[in-house]
Protein backbone atom coordinates (compact mmCIF):
# COMPACT_ATOMS: atom_id res chain seq x y z
CA UNK A 1 2.96 -32.15 36.36
CA UNK A 2 3.70 -29.94 33.38
CA UNK A 3 6.35 -27.25 33.62
CA UNK A 4 5.23 -23.65 33.25
CA UNK A 5 5.10 -22.51 29.66
CA UNK A 6 7.78 -20.03 28.66
CA UNK A 7 6.64 -16.78 27.06
CA UNK A 8 6.75 -16.79 23.25
CA UNK A 9 9.80 -15.34 21.53
CA UNK A 10 7.70 -12.55 20.04
CA UNK A 11 6.26 -11.69 23.46
CA UNK A 12 9.78 -11.69 24.94
CA UNK A 13 10.93 -9.36 22.16
CA UNK A 14 8.27 -6.78 23.02
CA UNK A 15 8.80 -7.31 26.74
CA UNK A 16 12.45 -6.36 26.17
CA UNK A 17 11.34 -3.17 24.41
CA UNK A 18 9.05 -2.48 27.36
CA UNK A 19 11.95 -2.63 29.82
CA UNK A 20 13.60 0.33 28.07
CA UNK A 21 10.41 2.39 28.46
CA UNK A 22 10.06 1.27 32.07
CA UNK A 23 13.63 2.40 32.73
CA UNK A 24 12.99 5.78 31.10
CA UNK A 25 9.80 6.04 33.15
CA UNK A 26 11.77 5.34 36.33
CA UNK A 27 14.22 8.15 35.59
CA UNK A 28 11.31 10.47 34.75
CA UNK A 29 9.97 9.83 38.27
CA UNK A 30 13.46 10.40 39.71
CA UNK A 31 14.73 13.48 37.83
CA UNK A 32 17.66 13.93 40.20
CA UNK A 33 18.99 10.49 39.22
CA UNK A 34 18.44 11.28 35.53
CA UNK A 35 20.46 14.50 35.77
CA UNK A 36 23.13 12.66 37.76
CA UNK A 37 23.41 10.05 34.97
CA UNK A 38 23.76 12.66 32.23
CA UNK A 39 27.19 13.82 33.44
CA UNK A 40 29.38 10.99 32.03
CA UNK A 41 27.29 10.74 28.85
CA UNK A 42 27.82 14.44 28.09
CA UNK A 43 31.57 14.10 28.68
CA UNK A 44 31.85 11.24 26.17
CA UNK A 45 29.47 12.96 23.73
CA UNK A 46 31.85 15.92 23.31
CA UNK A 47 34.53 13.60 21.92
CA UNK A 48 32.03 11.71 19.75
CA UNK A 49 30.61 14.85 18.14
CA UNK A 50 34.14 15.87 17.16
CA UNK A 51 34.96 12.41 15.76
CA UNK A 52 31.74 11.88 13.80
CA UNK A 53 31.80 15.49 12.58
CA UNK A 54 35.30 14.96 11.21
CA UNK A 55 34.17 11.72 9.57
CA UNK A 56 31.16 13.41 7.91
CA UNK A 57 33.34 16.30 6.68
CA UNK A 58 35.77 13.85 5.02
CA UNK A 59 33.17 11.34 3.81
CA UNK A 60 33.52 12.23 0.10
CA UNK A 61 37.25 11.66 0.21
CA UNK A 62 36.90 8.38 2.10
CA UNK A 63 34.26 7.14 -0.34
CA UNK A 64 36.62 7.89 -3.22
CA UNK A 65 39.51 6.20 -1.41
CA UNK A 66 37.64 2.90 -0.95
CA UNK A 67 36.33 2.88 -4.55
CA UNK A 68 39.41 3.57 -6.74
CA UNK A 69 38.04 1.13 -9.31
CA UNK A 70 35.31 3.68 -10.17
CA UNK A 71 37.72 6.49 -11.11
CA UNK A 72 37.31 5.88 -14.86
CA UNK A 73 33.57 5.15 -14.80
CA UNK A 74 30.94 7.45 -16.24
CA UNK A 75 30.04 10.28 -13.87
CA UNK A 76 26.57 8.92 -13.00
CA UNK A 77 27.82 5.41 -12.17
CA UNK A 78 30.82 6.77 -10.25
CA UNK A 79 28.62 9.10 -8.19
CA UNK A 80 26.15 6.31 -7.41
CA UNK A 81 28.77 3.84 -6.20
CA UNK A 82 30.46 6.51 -4.06
CA UNK A 83 27.19 7.59 -2.49
CA UNK A 84 26.58 3.94 -1.57
CA UNK A 85 30.15 3.69 -0.26
CA UNK A 86 29.67 6.85 1.81
CA UNK A 87 26.45 5.50 3.31
CA UNK A 88 28.14 2.18 4.06
CA UNK A 89 31.10 3.91 5.75
CA UNK A 90 28.92 6.19 7.83
CA UNK A 91 26.46 3.41 8.72
CA UNK A 92 29.23 1.06 9.85
CA UNK A 93 30.84 3.91 11.81
CA UNK A 94 27.57 4.72 13.58
CA UNK A 95 27.15 1.02 14.46
CA UNK A 96 30.64 0.93 16.00
CA UNK A 97 30.21 4.36 17.60
CA UNK A 98 27.00 3.47 19.44
CA UNK A 99 28.45 0.27 20.86
CA UNK A 100 31.64 2.02 21.92
CA UNK A 101 29.73 5.07 23.19
CA UNK A 102 27.86 2.81 25.59
CA UNK A 103 31.01 0.98 26.65
CA UNK A 104 33.01 4.18 27.16
CA UNK A 105 30.18 5.99 28.92
CA UNK A 106 29.68 3.08 31.31
CA UNK A 107 33.45 2.93 31.88
CA UNK A 108 33.79 6.67 32.53
CA UNK A 109 30.58 6.84 34.51
CA UNK A 110 30.79 3.60 36.47
CA UNK A 111 30.31 5.31 39.89
CA UNK A 112 27.32 7.24 38.50
CA UNK A 113 25.57 4.26 36.93
CA UNK A 114 26.37 1.93 39.82
CA UNK A 115 24.53 4.36 42.08
CA UNK A 116 21.57 4.59 39.69
CA UNK A 117 21.36 0.79 39.46
CA UNK A 118 21.49 0.58 43.25
CA UNK A 119 18.66 3.13 43.59
CA UNK A 120 16.56 1.18 41.07
CA UNK A 121 17.10 -2.03 43.05
CA UNK A 122 16.21 -0.29 46.32
CA UNK A 123 13.01 1.07 44.78
CA UNK A 124 12.04 -2.50 43.89
CA UNK A 125 12.65 -4.03 47.31
CA UNK A 126 16.38 -3.95 47.98
CA UNK A 127 19.75 -4.11 46.28
CA UNK A 128 22.12 -7.09 46.50
CA UNK A 129 25.27 -6.28 48.48
CA UNK A 130 28.14 -4.75 46.53
CA UNK A 131 30.69 -7.51 45.72
CA UNK A 132 33.96 -7.28 47.65
CA UNK A 133 36.24 -6.65 44.66
CA UNK A 134 39.38 -4.46 44.83
CA UNK A 135 39.02 -1.19 42.93
CA UNK A 136 41.94 -1.90 40.57
CA UNK A 137 40.50 -5.33 39.75
CA UNK A 138 37.12 -3.78 38.99
CA UNK A 139 38.67 -1.09 36.76
CA UNK A 140 40.86 -3.64 34.95
CA UNK A 141 37.84 -5.88 34.33
CA UNK A 142 35.84 -2.95 32.94
CA UNK A 143 38.68 -1.87 30.64
CA UNK A 144 39.14 -5.45 29.40
CA UNK A 145 35.42 -5.80 28.70
CA UNK A 146 35.38 -2.46 26.85
CA UNK A 147 38.38 -3.41 24.70
CA UNK A 148 36.83 -6.78 23.86
CA UNK A 149 33.57 -5.10 22.90
CA UNK A 150 35.56 -2.64 20.77
CA UNK A 151 37.18 -5.49 18.82
CA UNK A 152 33.81 -7.18 18.30
CA UNK A 153 32.19 -3.88 17.25
CA UNK A 154 34.92 -3.14 14.68
CA UNK A 155 34.70 -6.70 13.28
CA UNK A 156 30.92 -6.51 12.85
CA UNK A 157 31.23 -2.94 11.56
CA UNK A 158 33.54 -4.14 8.76
CA UNK A 159 31.10 -6.93 7.87
CA UNK A 160 28.16 -4.50 7.72
CA UNK A 161 30.29 -2.05 5.72
CA UNK A 162 30.91 -4.68 3.04
CA UNK A 163 27.28 -5.85 3.08
CA UNK A 164 26.19 -2.23 2.71
CA UNK A 165 27.30 -2.36 -0.95
CA UNK A 166 24.63 -4.96 -1.77
CA UNK A 167 21.85 -3.32 -3.83
CA UNK A 168 18.61 -2.77 -1.88
CA UNK A 169 19.51 -5.39 0.76
CA UNK A 170 22.44 -3.28 1.96
CA UNK A 171 20.15 -0.33 2.58
CA UNK A 172 17.17 -2.23 4.06
CA UNK A 173 17.90 -5.64 5.58
CA UNK A 174 21.47 -4.94 6.70
CA UNK A 175 20.56 -1.94 8.94
CA UNK A 176 17.88 -4.05 10.66
CA UNK A 177 20.33 -6.89 11.27
CA UNK A 178 22.91 -4.36 12.50
CA UNK A 179 20.38 -2.96 14.99
CA UNK A 180 19.63 -6.45 16.32
CA UNK A 181 23.30 -7.43 16.62
CA UNK A 182 24.17 -4.11 18.21
CA UNK A 183 21.19 -4.44 20.54
CA UNK A 184 22.35 -7.82 21.79
CA UNK A 185 25.76 -6.47 22.75
CA UNK A 186 24.26 -3.27 24.17
CA UNK A 187 22.13 -5.44 26.45
CA UNK A 188 25.30 -7.20 27.60
CA UNK A 189 26.95 -3.89 28.43
CA UNK A 190 23.98 -2.26 30.10
CA UNK A 191 23.18 -5.26 32.31
CA UNK A 192 26.81 -5.54 33.47
CA UNK A 193 26.39 -3.62 36.72
CA UNK A 194 23.29 -5.47 37.92
CA UNK A 195 24.77 -8.82 36.85
CA UNK A 196 28.09 -8.23 38.60
CA UNK A 197 26.24 -7.43 41.81
CA UNK A 198 24.97 -11.00 41.57
CA UNK A 199 28.41 -12.47 40.90
CA UNK A 200 27.84 -12.86 37.15
CA UNK A 201 30.83 -11.78 35.06
CA UNK A 202 31.05 -11.36 31.27
CA UNK A 203 30.90 -15.04 30.33
CA UNK A 204 28.00 -15.65 32.71
CA UNK A 205 26.19 -12.52 31.48
CA UNK A 206 26.24 -13.62 27.90
CA UNK A 207 25.22 -17.17 28.85
CA UNK A 208 22.06 -15.69 30.36
CA UNK A 209 21.52 -13.36 27.42
CA UNK A 210 21.89 -16.26 24.99
CA UNK A 211 19.17 -18.18 26.83
CA UNK A 212 16.97 -15.07 26.72
CA UNK A 213 18.01 -13.76 23.32
CA UNK A 214 14.63 -12.32 22.15
CA UNK A 215 14.28 -10.43 25.44
CA UNK A 216 17.84 -9.08 25.18
CA UNK A 217 17.51 -8.17 21.49
CA UNK A 218 14.18 -6.42 22.08
CA UNK A 219 15.65 -4.30 24.86
CA UNK A 220 18.95 -3.66 23.09
CA UNK A 221 17.53 -2.93 19.63
CA UNK A 222 15.06 -0.44 21.12
CA UNK A 223 18.00 1.19 22.91
CA UNK A 224 20.04 1.23 19.69
CA UNK A 225 17.23 2.95 17.77
CA UNK A 226 16.76 5.46 20.61
CA UNK A 227 20.49 6.19 20.56
CA UNK A 228 20.25 7.01 16.83
CA UNK A 229 18.01 9.98 17.64
CA UNK A 230 20.06 13.19 18.02
CA UNK A 231 21.13 13.41 21.69
CA UNK A 232 19.17 10.19 22.33
CA UNK A 233 22.26 8.36 23.56
CA UNK A 234 22.88 11.07 26.16
CA UNK A 235 19.31 11.68 27.32
CA UNK A 236 18.29 8.02 27.40
CA UNK A 237 21.45 6.50 28.90
CA UNK A 238 20.29 6.76 32.56
CA UNK A 239 16.94 5.25 31.59
CA UNK A 240 18.66 2.46 29.66
CA UNK A 241 20.73 1.59 32.75
CA UNK A 242 17.57 1.63 34.88
CA UNK A 243 15.72 -0.56 32.38
CA UNK A 244 18.61 -3.03 32.18
CA UNK A 245 18.64 -3.25 35.97
CA UNK A 246 14.90 -3.99 36.07
CA UNK A 247 15.27 -6.59 33.32
CA UNK A 248 18.14 -8.28 35.15
CA UNK A 249 16.29 -8.27 38.46
CA UNK A 250 12.98 -9.57 37.12
CA UNK A 251 13.90 -11.83 34.22
CA UNK A 252 17.56 -12.56 33.62
CA UNK A 253 19.18 -13.37 36.96
CA UNK A 254 16.10 -14.56 38.86
CA UNK A 255 16.82 -17.94 40.43
CA UNK A 256 20.12 -18.42 38.58
CA UNK A 257 23.35 -19.44 40.22
CA UNK A 258 26.91 -19.48 39.01
CA UNK A 259 28.42 -22.94 39.04
CA UNK A 260 31.84 -23.78 37.69
CA UNK A 261 32.08 -20.58 35.68
CA UNK A 262 28.72 -21.09 33.95
CA UNK A 263 25.22 -20.06 34.80
CA UNK A 264 22.98 -22.85 35.98
CA UNK A 265 19.27 -22.21 35.38
CA UNK A 266 16.80 -22.60 38.25
CA UNK A 267 16.45 -26.14 39.45
CA UNK A 268 19.78 -27.35 38.03
CA UNK A 269 22.24 -26.42 40.75
């Protein structure tokens, strides 16, 4: 008897994109939940607008600071290299900012998004019981996960900043790769609530995401691009949480069990 054929990677990629739109559709049908989920995103946005605005205002000076070697170049060459440097700085900062925006918003708004995830589960047939974890343990775990993601985001941001200096490739291929990498980690953050309800912590989450990488990248990259739209990160955050919950429920955690700290796929426990 042959085992059922897995969906193609390309199909999984577009299925992941579809989960974001399904999540946004769910919040459109539940406007009260959407408004409820905007509260923490707006709080974090205020700080981000100030930070990115300050960065943009000082971008010329920063570009000059990281390219001292161009001080004695001809004006045209010096301007070109500093424009590229400015784009690289701002692009890397946006990459880091979006990842950290999601992490911080989920951290600040955990009670809000936990409730939205629960409502999504109930609308699909029932939510798993809330794990019996002390509040301080839960907060400490969330802070630790956010700090770890921050370190990873800064590391990748530096890599993409350097690669941004490559002619043509730095302005075409690198942003696409950055969106895919960012999307993968966004998927890990946004699925956290639904995964933890099923006893799957960070290591287990990313084990599942690794086995379903095209699905996770499709969902996360679509979310990343949506978050690039002005106010997109705020307006779409509740829908992204809803979509991640649907994806977890239907594709990622279905039939999986945690065994010895790792996720065992169906039929291997």
